[in-house]
Amino acid sequence: MNNSPEFEEIIEGIDQNTLNQSVLKFELGYYDLKRFMKLKDKGIKFVTRIKRNAKYGVNKAYAYSKIVEFRNGLTLRLVSMVIDGERKDYLKDIMNLPDLYIHWIYLQRWNIEIFLRTMKTYLKIDRLISKTIKGVLVQIFSALIAYILLLMI
């Protein structure tokens, strides 16, 4: 989807209770300060990487993190750490979680990628028909049932 309006459509379609218990993780293709401001205003928690050329001011600095403010007034936490010899910089609106936990949350994104690849390979789901969680689950379970029936035949 990248920077398409579908991102906002999907966010609008998700049950607020689900959003309150979730942390969105997304790549730099979704990096948009206006989007971050909207997510923060709605109380939606998120973690993403920061662009290398991002301009911000530092309000407060800690061991591995800083509270930073962007030109549009958005205040987020920037976590910087070295993992396996590589520097990782994460932007997030969650102020009270340990830094290493933020790295772990972001790494969970790969589980989602593996799941999507598996859906495409075995279940032949090339694209999602619905933009609601219930609709996506119906499509996935329907494909799973069809897959199991074909295996049995």
Protein backbone atom coordinates (compact mmCIF):
# COMPACT_ATOMS: atom_id res chain seq x y z
CA MET A 1 0.00 0.00 0.00
CA ASN A 2 2.81 2.38 0.85
CA ASN A 3 1.53 5.95 1.14
CA SER A 4 -1.90 5.23 -0.31
CA PRO A 5 -5.22 6.33 1.21
CA GLU A 6 -5.92 2.64 1.91
CA PHE A 7 -3.81 2.94 5.05
CA GLU A 8 -6.29 5.42 6.54
CA GLU A 9 -9.25 3.32 5.34
CA ILE A 10 -7.91 0.27 7.12
CA ILE A 11 -7.26 2.22 10.33
CA GLU A 12 -10.82 3.58 10.21
CA GLY A 13 -12.19 0.06 9.71
CA ILE A 14 -10.47 -1.49 12.71
CA ASP A 15 -12.42 -1.79 15.93
CA GLN A 16 -11.23 0.84 18.44
CA ASN A 17 -10.90 -1.79 21.16
CA THR A 18 -8.49 -3.75 18.94
CA LEU A 19 -6.49 -0.61 18.21
CA ASN A 20 -6.21 0.23 21.90
CA GLN A 21 -4.59 -3.17 22.55
CA SER A 22 -2.27 -3.09 19.53
CA VAL A 23 0.97 -1.50 18.40
CA LEU A 24 1.25 -0.71 14.69
CA LYS A 25 4.59 -1.43 13.06
CA PHE A 26 5.41 -0.09 9.65
CA GLU A 27 8.25 0.58 7.26
CA LEU A 28 9.66 3.84 5.95
CA GLY A 29 7.23 3.76 3.02
CA TYR A 30 4.59 4.88 5.51
CA TYR A 31 6.77 7.58 7.07
CA ASP A 32 4.66 10.73 7.21
CA LEU A 33 4.63 13.22 10.08
CA LYS A 34 0.99 14.14 9.41
CA ARG A 35 0.05 10.45 9.59
CA PHE A 36 1.99 10.08 12.85
CA MET A 37 0.14 13.07 14.28
CA LYS A 38 -3.24 11.54 13.32
CA LEU A 39 -2.31 8.20 14.86
CA LYS A 40 -1.13 9.86 18.05
CA ASP A 41 -4.28 12.02 18.26
CA LYS A 42 -6.41 8.86 17.96
CA GLY A 43 -4.39 7.14 20.69
CA ILE A 44 -3.01 4.52 18.28
CA LYS A 45 0.41 3.27 19.38
CA PHE A 46 3.07 2.74 16.72
CA VAL A 47 6.73 1.93 16.09
CA THR A 48 8.64 2.72 12.91
CA ARG A 49 12.15 3.45 11.71
CA ILE A 50 13.22 7.08 11.35
CA LYS A 51 14.41 8.56 8.06
CA ARG A 52 18.10 9.37 8.02
CA ASN A 53 17.54 12.98 6.98
CA ALA A 54 14.76 13.65 9.52
CA LYS A 55 15.01 17.04 11.20
CA TYR A 56 13.99 17.34 14.83
CA GLY A 57 14.88 19.05 18.08
CA VAL A 58 15.83 17.13 21.23
CA ASN A 59 13.70 17.97 24.28
CA LYS A 60 15.21 15.42 26.66
CA ALA A 61 17.89 12.70 26.39
CA TYR A 62 18.17 9.39 28.24
CA ALA A 63 20.60 6.46 27.97
CA TYR A 64 19.46 5.10 24.59
CA SER A 65 16.55 7.35 23.80
CA LYS A 66 15.52 10.95 23.32
CA ILE A 67 12.26 12.81 23.38
CA VAL A 68 12.26 14.63 20.04
CA GLU A 69 10.01 17.26 18.52
CA PHE A 70 9.44 17.67 14.79
CA ARG A 71 8.66 20.84 12.85
CA ASN A 72 4.90 20.17 12.98
CA GLY A 73 4.96 20.03 16.81
CA LEU A 74 4.79 16.25 16.98
CA THR A 75 6.66 14.86 20.00
CA LEU A 76 7.87 11.25 19.88
CA ARG A 77 10.48 9.06 21.49
CA LEU A 78 13.55 8.20 19.40
CA VAL A 79 15.28 5.01 20.53
CA SER A 80 18.81 4.39 19.21
CA MET A 81 20.72 1.21 19.92
CA VAL A 82 23.33 -1.04 18.38
CA ILE A 83 22.11 -4.58 17.72
CA ASP A 84 24.56 -7.12 16.24
CA GLY A 85 26.92 -4.31 15.26
CA GLU A 86 24.23 -2.35 13.41
CA ARG A 87 22.65 0.89 14.63
CA LYS A 88 18.86 0.79 14.89
CA ASP A 89 16.81 3.97 15.28
CA TYR A 90 13.12 3.65 16.11
CA LEU A 91 10.45 6.31 16.42
CA LYS A 92 7.55 5.59 18.69
CA ASP A 93 4.81 7.26 20.62
CA ILE A 94 5.06 4.77 23.51
CA MET A 95 6.99 6.55 26.24
CA ASN A 96 7.01 3.95 29.03
CA LEU A 97 8.33 0.74 27.43
CA PRO A 98 11.98 -0.38 27.72
CA ASP A 99 14.14 0.34 24.67
CA LEU A 100 14.97 -3.29 23.90
CA TYR A 101 11.27 -4.17 23.98
CA ILE A 102 10.69 -1.60 21.21
CA HIS A 103 13.29 -3.39 19.08
CA TRP A 104 11.50 -6.70 19.76
CA ILE A 105 8.13 -5.20 18.73
CA TYR A 106 9.61 -3.99 15.47
CA LEU A 107 11.17 -7.39 14.77
CA GLN A 108 7.73 -9.01 14.99
CA ARG A 109 7.03 -7.36 11.65
CA TRP A 110 9.00 -10.20 10.03
CA ASN A 111 6.55 -12.76 11.42
CA ILE A 112 3.82 -10.91 9.58
CA GLU A 113 5.87 -10.92 6.36
CA ILE A 114 6.42 -14.69 6.67
CA PHE A 115 2.71 -15.22 7.30
CA LEU A 116 1.80 -13.17 4.20
CA ARG A 117 4.31 -15.09 2.06
CA THR A 118 2.83 -18.37 3.32
CA MET A 119 -0.69 -17.18 2.49
CA LYS A 120 0.39 -16.30 -1.04
CA THR A 121 2.32 -19.54 -1.57
CA TYR A 122 0.04 -22.18 -0.07
CA LEU A 123 -3.38 -20.57 0.17
CA LYS A 124 -3.09 -18.67 -3.13
CA ILE A 125 -4.32 -15.45 -1.51
CA ASP A 126 -2.68 -12.84 -3.72
CA ARG A 127 -4.68 -9.91 -2.42
CA LEU A 128 -7.13 -9.26 0.36
CA ILE A 129 -10.71 -8.65 -0.70
CA SER A 130 -11.87 -6.98 2.51
CA LYS A 131 -10.43 -4.06 4.43
CA THR A 132 -11.93 -5.09 7.76
CA ILE A 133 -10.38 -7.53 10.19
CA LYS A 134 -13.48 -9.76 10.13
CA GLY A 135 -13.48 -9.84 6.32
CA VAL A 136 -9.77 -10.69 6.18
CA LEU A 137 -10.26 -13.49 8.71
CA VAL A 138 -13.18 -14.90 6.69
CA GLN A 139 -11.02 -14.91 3.56
CA ILE A 140 -8.08 -16.59 5.33
CA PHE A 141 -10.22 -19.26 7.03
CA SER A 142 -12.10 -19.94 3.79
CA ALA A 143 -8.80 -20.47 2.00
CA LEU A 144 -7.56 -22.71 4.84
CA ILE A 145 -10.71 -24.84 4.67
CA ALA A 146 -10.41 -25.13 0.90
CA TYR A 147 -6.73 -26.07 1.23
CA ILE A 148 -7.48 -28.79 3.81
CA LEU A 149 -10.36 -30.17 1.70
CA LEU A 150 -8.10 -30.37 -1.35
CA LEU A 151 -5.46 -32.18 0.69
CA MET A 152 -8.06 -34.68 1.88
CA ILE A 153 -9.35 -35.32 -1.65
